[in-house]
Amino acid sequence: MKDPIGSRLVARRAMLAGLASVPLLLVARRFTQAGEAAVIVPPPDLDEKVHSSKETAVLAGGCFWGVQGVYQHVRGVTSAVSGYAGGDKASAHYESVGSGATGHAEAVMVTFDPKQVSFGQILEIYFSVVHDPTQLNRQGPDTGTQYRSAIFPVGAEQERVASAYIAQLDKAGTFGGKIVTRVEPGKGFYPAEDYHQDFLEHNPQHPYIVINDLPKVRNLQRIFPELYREEPVLVMAGKASN
């Protein structure tokens, strides 16, 4: 199987190498500090109307491992698939996207029941615990346009809700800086390679996951207890016998 870590950018490899010598106690302390970094945002004034029992949302907010890991623990979510959005199908491959020249962002397609969790709540989680929407073309140790903050609305109503929410949060000065999240309609989504799916759940002790992503899941549980579920919905569960 291809190594999913080996082709990460130099910055990420350097960080992981440095963590190899960090004592477990220090890792745990940094984990706790990272877990306190979430921003509690107000709910959106405008939300999507419920049209059916199944909706999809496509969101980008840094490395897709953590984005997927958070939404896999959200009640009402039936699927969260890591992939690429913003570019074309021909370039929707990890090696190509990593160049930063394809137009793609690492993204996650979230399928959910809007009667259990609304699109607005999906966005509220996105801005609260998934990532920092004031960082331009980077999240944590990862840099490049492929790690940008972006919402790829599925339809005009999602575009309207997302744009209004960004304006609402900016007007309120929620983050103390301007939100750089882009709303990019009309873009396709392409699932990522199998080895990227369920990465957080399969690698909970990996230093990158411990430092950058597990705090996000804990913040979900802390800030949105009514939407948190302990058992994640996994992508690869149905492929285990293949």
C-alpha atoms as a PDB file:
ATOM      1  CA  MET A   1       0.000   0.000   0.000  1.00  0.00           C
ATOM      2  CA  LYS A   2       1.176   3.491  -0.782  1.00  0.00           C
ATOM      3  CA  ASP A   3       2.431   5.504   2.196  1.00  0.00           C
ATOM      4  CA  PRO A   4      -0.106   8.309   2.770  1.00  0.00           C
ATOM      5  CA  ILE A   5       2.399  10.339   4.809  1.00  0.00           C
ATOM      6  CA  GLY A   6       5.454  10.160   2.589  1.00  0.00           C
ATOM      7  CA  SER A   7       4.347  12.689  -0.013  1.00  0.00           C
ATOM      8  CA  ARG A   8       3.106  15.375   2.387  1.00  0.00           C
ATOM      9  CA  LEU A   9       4.724  18.782   2.100  1.00  0.00           C
ATOM     10  CA  VAL A  10       8.136  19.513   3.625  1.00  0.00           C
ATOM     11  CA  ALA A  11       6.632  21.516   6.476  1.00  0.00           C
ATOM     12  CA  ARG A  12       4.505  18.599   7.610  1.00  0.00           C
ATOM     13  CA  ARG A  13       7.367  16.108   7.368  1.00  0.00           C
ATOM     14  CA  ALA A  14       9.590  18.417   9.406  1.00  0.00           C
ATOM     15  CA  MET A  15       6.935  18.780  12.088  1.00  0.00           C
ATOM     16  CA  LEU A  16       6.422  15.022  12.347  1.00  0.00           C
ATOM     17  CA  ALA A  17      10.175  14.419  12.576  1.00  0.00           C
ATOM     18  CA  GLY A  18      10.404  16.923  15.405  1.00  0.00           C
ATOM     19  CA  LEU A  19       7.553  15.292  17.289  1.00  0.00           C
ATOM     20  CA  ALA A  20       9.301  11.920  17.257  1.00  0.00           C
ATOM     21  CA  SER A  21      11.465  13.009  20.200  1.00  0.00           C
ATOM     22  CA  VAL A  22       8.720  14.806  22.163  1.00  0.00           C
ATOM     23  CA  PRO A  23       7.862  13.047  25.455  1.00  0.00           C
ATOM     24  CA  LEU A  24       4.318  11.730  25.712  1.00  0.00           C
ATOM     25  CA  LEU A  25       3.524  14.152  28.556  1.00  0.00           C
ATOM     26  CA  LEU A  26       4.497  17.125  26.390  1.00  0.00           C
ATOM     27  CA  VAL A  27       2.379  15.815  23.519  1.00  0.00           C
ATOM     28  CA  ALA A  28      -0.591  15.515  25.873  1.00  0.00           C
ATOM     29  CA  ARG A  29      -0.042  19.077  27.151  1.00  0.00           C
ATOM     30  CA  ARG A  30       0.073  20.478  23.630  1.00  0.00           C
ATOM     31  CA  PHE A  31      -3.037  18.446  22.832  1.00  0.00           C
ATOM     32  CA  THR A  32      -4.872  20.096  25.731  1.00  0.00           C
ATOM     33  CA  GLN A  33      -3.782  23.568  24.687  1.00  0.00           C
ATOM     34  CA  ALA A  34      -4.857  22.957  21.107  1.00  0.00           C
ATOM     35  CA  GLY A  35      -8.245  21.761  22.363  1.00  0.00           C
ATOM     36  CA  GLU A  36      -8.863  25.150  23.971  1.00  0.00           C
ATOM     37  CA  ALA A  37      -8.435  27.015  20.683  1.00  0.00           C
ATOM     38  CA  ALA A  38     -11.968  26.578  19.317  1.00  0.00           C
ATOM     39  CA  VAL A  39     -14.150  29.636  18.757  1.00  0.00           C
ATOM     40  CA  ILE A  40     -17.790  29.456  19.772  1.00  0.00           C
ATOM     41  CA  VAL A  41     -19.693  31.228  17.001  1.00  0.00           C
ATOM     42  CA  PRO A  42     -23.340  32.319  16.923  1.00  0.00           C
ATOM     43  CA  PRO A  43     -25.738  30.200  14.877  1.00  0.00           C
ATOM     44  CA  PRO A  44     -26.569  31.465  11.392  1.00  0.00           C
ATOM     45  CA  ASP A  45     -29.437  33.924  11.066  1.00  0.00           C
ATOM     46  CA  LEU A  46     -30.323  32.286   7.748  1.00  0.00           C
ATOM     47  CA  ASP A  47     -30.529  28.521   7.253  1.00  0.00           C
ATOM     48  CA  GLU A  48     -31.386  26.190   4.397  1.00  0.00           C
ATOM     49  CA  LYS A  49     -34.977  25.001   4.151  1.00  0.00           C
ATOM     50  CA  VAL A  50     -35.586  21.283   4.606  1.00  0.00           C
ATOM     51  CA  HIS A  51     -36.500  19.798   1.229  1.00  0.00           C
ATOM     52  CA  SER A  52     -35.742  16.115   1.800  1.00  0.00           C
ATOM     53  CA  SER A  53     -34.196  13.637   4.213  1.00  0.00           C
ATOM     54  CA  LYS A  54     -30.840  13.740   2.421  1.00  0.00           C
ATOM     55  CA  GLU A  55     -28.558  16.698   1.660  1.00  0.00           C
ATOM     56  CA  THR A  56     -24.872  17.092   0.854  1.00  0.00           C
ATOM     57  CA  ALA A  57     -22.356  19.791   1.714  1.00  0.00           C
ATOM     58  CA  VAL A  58     -18.777  20.100   0.443  1.00  0.00           C
ATOM     59  CA  LEU A  59     -16.310  21.873   2.706  1.00  0.00           C
ATOM     60  CA  ALA A  60     -12.566  22.537   2.669  1.00  0.00           C
ATOM     61  CA  GLY A  61     -10.631  23.603   5.745  1.00  0.00           C
ATOM     62  CA  GLY A  62      -7.072  22.328   5.659  1.00  0.00           C
ATOM     63  CA  CYS A  63      -6.029  18.688   5.647  1.00  0.00           C
ATOM     64  CA  PHE A  64      -9.081  16.556   4.977  1.00  0.00           C
ATOM     65  CA  TRP A  65      -8.165  14.000   7.653  1.00  0.00           C
ATOM     66  CA  GLY A  66      -9.401  16.266  10.448  1.00  0.00           C
ATOM     67  CA  VAL A  67     -12.364  17.702   8.561  1.00  0.00           C
ATOM     68  CA  GLN A  68     -13.620  14.206   7.808  1.00  0.00           C
ATOM     69  CA  GLY A  69     -12.900  13.065  11.360  1.00  0.00           C
ATOM     70  CA  VAL A  70     -15.078  15.775  12.870  1.00  0.00           C
ATOM     71  CA  TYR A  71     -18.113  15.236  10.643  1.00  0.00           C
ATOM     72  CA  GLN A  72     -17.954  11.471  11.108  1.00  0.00           C
ATOM     73  CA  HIS A  73     -18.915  12.173  14.716  1.00  0.00           C
ATOM     74  CA  VAL A  74     -21.868  14.481  13.959  1.00  0.00           C
ATOM     75  CA  ARG A  75     -25.332  13.104  14.611  1.00  0.00           C
ATOM     76  CA  GLY A  76     -27.415  13.072  11.437  1.00  0.00           C
ATOM     77  CA  VAL A  77     -24.395  12.709   9.160  1.00  0.00           C
ATOM     78  CA  THR A  78     -24.616   9.513   7.132  1.00  0.00           C
ATOM     79  CA  SER A  79     -21.360   9.849   5.207  1.00  0.00           C
ATOM     80  CA  ALA A  80     -18.227  12.018   5.227  1.00  0.00           C
ATOM     81  CA  VAL A  81     -15.861  11.366   2.324  1.00  0.00           C
ATOM     82  CA  SER A  82     -12.426  12.935   1.877  1.00  0.00           C
ATOM     83  CA  GLY A  83     -11.703  14.200  -1.619  1.00  0.00           C
ATOM     84  CA  TYR A  84     -10.869  17.113  -3.883  1.00  0.00           C
ATOM     85  CA  ALA A  85     -12.939  20.067  -5.093  1.00  0.00           C
ATOM     86  CA  GLY A  86     -12.233  23.164  -7.116  1.00  0.00           C
ATOM     87  CA  GLY A  87     -10.374  21.651 -10.072  1.00  0.00           C
ATOM     88  CA  ASP A  88     -11.080  19.135 -12.809  1.00  0.00           C
ATOM     89  CA  LYS A  89     -11.379  15.354 -12.691  1.00  0.00           C
ATOM     90  CA  ALA A  90      -8.097  14.690 -14.475  1.00  0.00           C
ATOM     91  CA  SER A  91      -6.066  16.380 -11.735  1.00  0.00           C
ATOM     92  CA  ALA A  92      -8.029  14.983  -8.765  1.00  0.00           C
ATOM     93  CA  HIS A  93      -5.152  12.856  -7.474  1.00  0.00           C
ATOM     94  CA  TYR A  94      -3.132  13.370  -4.323  1.00  0.00           C
ATOM     95  CA  GLU A  95       0.229  13.840  -6.021  1.00  0.00           C
ATOM     96  CA  SER A  96      -1.192  16.437  -8.420  1.00  0.00           C
ATOM     97  CA  VAL A  97      -3.237  18.301  -5.826  1.00  0.00           C
ATOM     98  CA  GLY A  98      -0.182  18.525  -3.571  1.00  0.00           C
ATOM     99  CA  SER A  99       1.508  20.775  -6.144  1.00  0.00           C
ATOM    100  CA  GLY A 100      -0.989  23.531  -5.366  1.00  0.00           C
ATOM    101  CA  ALA A 101      -1.431  24.171  -9.080  1.00  0.00           C
ATOM    102  CA  THR A 102      -4.605  22.207  -9.856  1.00  0.00           C
ATOM    103  CA  GLY A 103      -7.231  24.549  -8.372  1.00  0.00           C
ATOM    104  CA  HIS A 104      -8.316  21.741  -6.059  1.00  0.00           C
ATOM    105  CA  ALA A 105      -8.618  21.973  -2.305  1.00  0.00           C
ATOM    106  CA  GLU A 106      -8.595  18.990   0.023  1.00  0.00           C
ATOM    107  CA  ALA A 107     -12.305  18.815   0.809  1.00  0.00           C
ATOM    108  CA  VAL A 108     -14.928  16.605   2.434  1.00  0.00           C
ATOM    109  CA  MET A 109     -18.370  15.777   1.092  1.00  0.00           C
ATOM    110  CA  VAL A 110     -20.768  15.518   4.015  1.00  0.00           C
ATOM    111  CA  THR A 111     -24.068  13.721   3.460  1.00  0.00           C
ATOM    112  CA  PHE A 112     -26.609  14.430   6.178  1.00  0.00           C
ATOM    113  CA  ASP A 113     -30.257  14.297   7.188  1.00  0.00           C
ATOM    114  CA  PRO A 114     -31.367  17.957   7.493  1.00  0.00           C
ATOM    115  CA  LYS A 115     -34.143  16.907   9.837  1.00  0.00           C
ATOM    116  CA  GLN A 116     -31.448  15.944  12.350  1.00  0.00           C
ATOM    117  CA  VAL A 117     -28.725  18.469  11.581  1.00  0.00           C
ATOM    118  CA  SER A 118     -29.254  21.479   9.333  1.00  0.00           C
ATOM    119  CA  PHE A 119     -26.896  22.936   6.747  1.00  0.00           C
ATOM    120  CA  GLY A 120     -26.559  25.941   9.019  1.00  0.00           C
ATOM    121  CA  GLN A 121     -25.440  23.705  11.874  1.00  0.00           C
ATOM    122  CA  ILE A 122     -22.971  21.986   9.535  1.00  0.00           C
ATOM    123  CA  LEU A 123     -21.508  25.452   8.869  1.00  0.00           C
ATOM    124  CA  GLU A 124     -21.595  26.392  12.544  1.00  0.00           C
ATOM    125  CA  ILE A 125     -19.433  23.344  13.309  1.00  0.00           C
ATOM    126  CA  TYR A 126     -17.186  24.207  10.360  1.00  0.00           C
ATOM    127  CA  PHE A 127     -16.456  27.706  11.656  1.00  0.00           C
ATOM    128  CA  SER A 128     -16.310  26.712  15.338  1.00  0.00           C
ATOM    129  CA  VAL A 129     -14.151  23.596  15.525  1.00  0.00           C
ATOM    130  CA  VAL A 130     -13.083  22.391  12.066  1.00  0.00           C
ATOM    131  CA  HIS A 131     -10.592  25.108  11.159  1.00  0.00           C
ATOM    132  CA  ASP A 132      -9.495  28.755  11.426  1.00  0.00           C
ATOM    133  CA  PRO A 133     -11.324  30.677   8.664  1.00  0.00           C
ATOM    134  CA  THR A 134      -8.982  33.680   8.949  1.00  0.00           C
ATOM    135  CA  GLN A 135      -5.911  31.793   7.691  1.00  0.00           C
ATOM    136  CA  LEU A 136      -5.301  32.344   3.982  1.00  0.00           C
ATOM    137  CA  ASN A 137      -4.246  29.238   2.060  1.00  0.00           C
ATOM    138  CA  ARG A 138      -3.009  27.422   5.129  1.00  0.00           C
ATOM    139  CA  GLN A 139      -4.083  25.531   8.226  1.00  0.00           C
ATOM    140  CA  GLY A 140      -1.665  24.616  10.996  1.00  0.00           C
ATOM    141  CA  PRO A 141       1.537  23.201   9.466  1.00  0.00           C
ATOM    142  CA  ASP A 142       0.040  22.894   5.969  1.00  0.00           C
ATOM    143  CA  THR A 143       0.412  25.654   3.383  1.00  0.00           C
ATOM    144  CA  GLY A 144      -0.828  26.119  -0.176  1.00  0.00           C
ATOM    145  CA  THR A 145      -4.073  26.794  -1.996  1.00  0.00           C
ATOM    146  CA  GLN A 146      -4.985  23.119  -1.608  1.00  0.00           C
ATOM    147  CA  TYR A 147      -5.456  23.842   2.113  1.00  0.00           C
ATOM    148  CA  ARG A 148      -7.647  26.918   1.635  1.00  0.00           C
ATOM    149  CA  SER A 149     -10.836  27.608   3.488  1.00  0.00           C
ATOM    150  CA  ALA A 150     -13.670  27.106   1.012  1.00  0.00           C
ATOM    151  CA  ILE A 151     -17.324  26.136   0.807  1.00  0.00           C
ATOM    152  CA  PHE A 152     -18.512  24.487  -2.403  1.00  0.00           C
ATOM    153  CA  PRO A 153     -22.283  25.021  -2.247  1.00  0.00           C
ATOM    154  CA  VAL A 154     -24.608  22.434  -3.674  1.00  0.00           C
ATOM    155  CA  GLY A 155     -27.224  24.726  -5.180  1.00  0.00           C
ATOM    156  CA  ALA A 156     -28.171  28.400  -4.959  1.00  0.00           C
ATOM    157  CA  GLU A 157     -29.765  28.133  -1.521  1.00  0.00           C
ATOM    158  CA  GLN A 158     -26.590  26.791   0.090  1.00  0.00           C
ATOM    159  CA  GLU A 159     -24.614  29.547  -1.633  1.00  0.00           C
ATOM    160  CA  ARG A 160     -26.964  32.151  -0.206  1.00  0.00           C
ATOM    161  CA  VAL A 161     -26.833  30.687   3.316  1.00  0.00           C
ATOM    162  CA  ALA A 162     -23.037  30.333   3.312  1.00  0.00           C
ATOM    163  CA  SER A 163     -22.422  33.848   1.986  1.00  0.00           C
ATOM    164  CA  ALA A 164     -24.864  35.357   4.480  1.00  0.00           C
ATOM    165  CA  TYR A 165     -23.249  33.487   7.383  1.00  0.00           C
ATOM    166  CA  ILE A 166     -19.762  34.699   6.477  1.00  0.00           C
ATOM    167  CA  ALA A 167     -21.087  38.271   6.294  1.00  0.00           C
ATOM    168  CA  GLN A 168     -22.855  37.810   9.637  1.00  0.00           C
ATOM    169  CA  LEU A 169     -19.709  36.532  11.394  1.00  0.00           C
ATOM    170  CA  ASP A 170     -17.543  39.233   9.842  1.00  0.00           C
ATOM    171  CA  LYS A 171     -19.967  41.975  10.901  1.00  0.00           C
ATOM    172  CA  ALA A 172     -19.972  40.612  14.453  1.00  0.00           C
ATOM    173  CA  GLY A 173     -16.158  40.555  14.520  1.00  0.00           C
ATOM    174  CA  THR A 174     -16.344  36.970  15.736  1.00  0.00           C
ATOM    175  CA  PHE A 175     -12.750  36.089  14.904  1.00  0.00           C
ATOM    176  CA  GLY A 176     -11.037  39.424  15.390  1.00  0.00           C
ATOM    177  CA  GLY A 177      -9.932  39.284  11.769  1.00  0.00           C
ATOM    178  CA  LYS A 178     -11.524  39.032   8.358  1.00  0.00           C
ATOM    179  CA  ILE A 179     -12.836  35.640   7.271  1.00  0.00           C
ATOM    180  CA  VAL A 180     -11.050  34.494   4.105  1.00  0.00           C
ATOM    181  CA  THR A 181     -13.362  31.537   3.406  1.00  0.00           C
ATOM    182  CA  ARG A 182     -14.268  31.429  -0.277  1.00  0.00           C
ATOM    183  CA  VAL A 183     -17.686  30.372  -1.545  1.00  0.00           C
ATOM    184  CA  GLU A 184     -17.041  28.539  -4.812  1.00  0.00           C
ATOM    185  CA  PRO A 185     -20.221  27.373  -6.587  1.00  0.00           C
ATOM    186  CA  GLY A 186     -20.376  25.060  -9.557  1.00  0.00           C
ATOM    187  CA  LYS A 187     -17.409  22.882  -8.660  1.00  0.00           C
ATOM    188  CA  GLY A 188     -17.312  19.094  -8.805  1.00  0.00           C
ATOM    189  CA  PHE A 189     -16.196  16.805  -5.996  1.00  0.00           C
ATOM    190  CA  TYR A 190     -13.932  13.792  -6.512  1.00  0.00           C
ATOM    191  CA  PRO A 191     -13.304  11.220  -3.748  1.00  0.00           C
ATOM    192  CA  ALA A 192      -9.728  10.826  -2.563  1.00  0.00           C
ATOM    193  CA  GLU A 193      -7.725   7.614  -2.567  1.00  0.00           C
ATOM    194  CA  ASP A 194      -8.833   4.872  -0.182  1.00  0.00           C
ATOM    195  CA  TYR A 195      -5.802   5.283   2.082  1.00  0.00           C
ATOM    196  CA  HIS A 196      -6.967   8.787   3.010  1.00  0.00           C
ATOM    197  CA  GLN A 197     -10.444   7.642   4.087  1.00  0.00           C
ATOM    198  CA  ASP A 198     -11.136   7.222   7.823  1.00  0.00           C
ATOM    199  CA  PHE A 199      -7.516   8.224   8.489  1.00  0.00           C
ATOM    200  CA  LEU A 200      -8.195   9.768  11.890  1.00  0.00           C
ATOM    201  CA  GLU A 201     -10.149   6.769  13.110  1.00  0.00           C
ATOM    202  CA  HIS A 202      -7.467   4.321  11.969  1.00  0.00           C
ATOM    203  CA  ASN A 203      -4.517   6.385  13.231  1.00  0.00           C
ATOM    204  CA  PRO A 204      -5.581   8.039  16.518  1.00  0.00           C
ATOM    205  CA  GLN A 205      -2.032   7.916  17.947  1.00  0.00           C
ATOM    206  CA  HIS A 206      -0.298   9.438  14.951  1.00  0.00           C
ATOM    207  CA  PRO A 207       1.436  12.658  16.109  1.00  0.00           C
ATOM    208  CA  TYR A 208      -0.157  14.769  13.364  1.00  0.00           C
ATOM    209  CA  ILE A 209      -3.623  13.519  14.348  1.00  0.00           C
ATOM    210  CA  VAL A 210      -2.966  13.937  18.080  1.00  0.00           C
ATOM    211  CA  ILE A 211      -1.775  17.515  17.756  1.00  0.00           C
ATOM    212  CA  ASN A 212      -3.991  18.860  14.982  1.00  0.00           C
ATOM    213  CA  ASP A 213      -7.158  16.775  14.676  1.00  0.00           C
ATOM    214  CA  LEU A 214      -8.218  14.937  17.828  1.00  0.00           C
ATOM    215  CA  PRO A 215      -8.696  18.276  19.628  1.00  0.00           C
ATOM    216  CA  LYS A 216     -11.266  19.173  16.971  1.00  0.00           C
ATOM    217  CA  VAL A 217     -13.309  16.062  17.724  1.00  0.00           C
ATOM    218  CA  ARG A 218     -13.120  16.802  21.451  1.00  0.00           C
ATOM    219  CA  ASN A 219     -14.228  20.375  20.824  1.00  0.00           C
ATOM    220  CA  LEU A 220     -17.185  19.050  18.842  1.00  0.00           C
ATOM    221  CA  GLN A 221     -18.191  16.968  21.852  1.00  0.00           C
ATOM    222  CA  ARG A 222     -17.642  19.889  24.245  1.00  0.00           C
ATOM    223  CA  ILE A 223     -19.342  22.661  22.258  1.00  0.00           C
ATOM    224  CA  PHE A 224     -22.051  20.662  20.460  1.00  0.00           C
ATOM    225  CA  PRO A 225     -22.957  17.825  22.866  1.00  0.00           C
ATOM    226  CA  GLU A 226     -26.441  17.547  21.348  1.00  0.00           C
ATOM    227  CA  LEU A 227     -24.931  16.888  17.901  1.00  0.00           C
ATOM    228  CA  TYR A 228     -22.039  14.663  18.966  1.00  0.00           C
ATOM    229  CA  ARG A 229     -22.108  10.905  18.610  1.00  0.00           C
ATOM    230  CA  GLU A 230     -19.438   8.606  19.953  1.00  0.00           C
ATOM    231  CA  GLU A 231     -19.500   6.039  17.142  1.00  0.00           C
ATOM    232  CA  PRO A 232     -18.248   7.502  13.858  1.00  0.00           C
ATOM    233  CA  VAL A 233     -19.741   6.751  10.456  1.00  0.00           C
ATOM    234  CA  LEU A 234     -16.940   5.238   8.378  1.00  0.00           C
ATOM    235  CA  VAL A 235     -16.347   5.283   4.625  1.00  0.00           C
ATOM    236  CA  MET A 236     -14.400   2.066   4.318  1.00  0.00           C
ATOM    237  CA  ALA A 237     -16.552  -0.113   6.587  1.00  0.00           C
ATOM    238  CA  GLY A 238     -18.494  -1.492   3.616  1.00  0.00           C
ATOM    239  CA  LYS A 239     -15.290  -2.219   1.709  1.00  0.00           C
ATOM    240  CA  ALA A 240     -13.642  -4.273   4.405  1.00  0.00           C
ATOM    241  CA  SER A 241     -14.409  -7.572   2.712  1.00  0.00           C
ATOM    242  CA  ASN A 242     -13.387  -6.403  -0.769  1.00  0.00           C
END
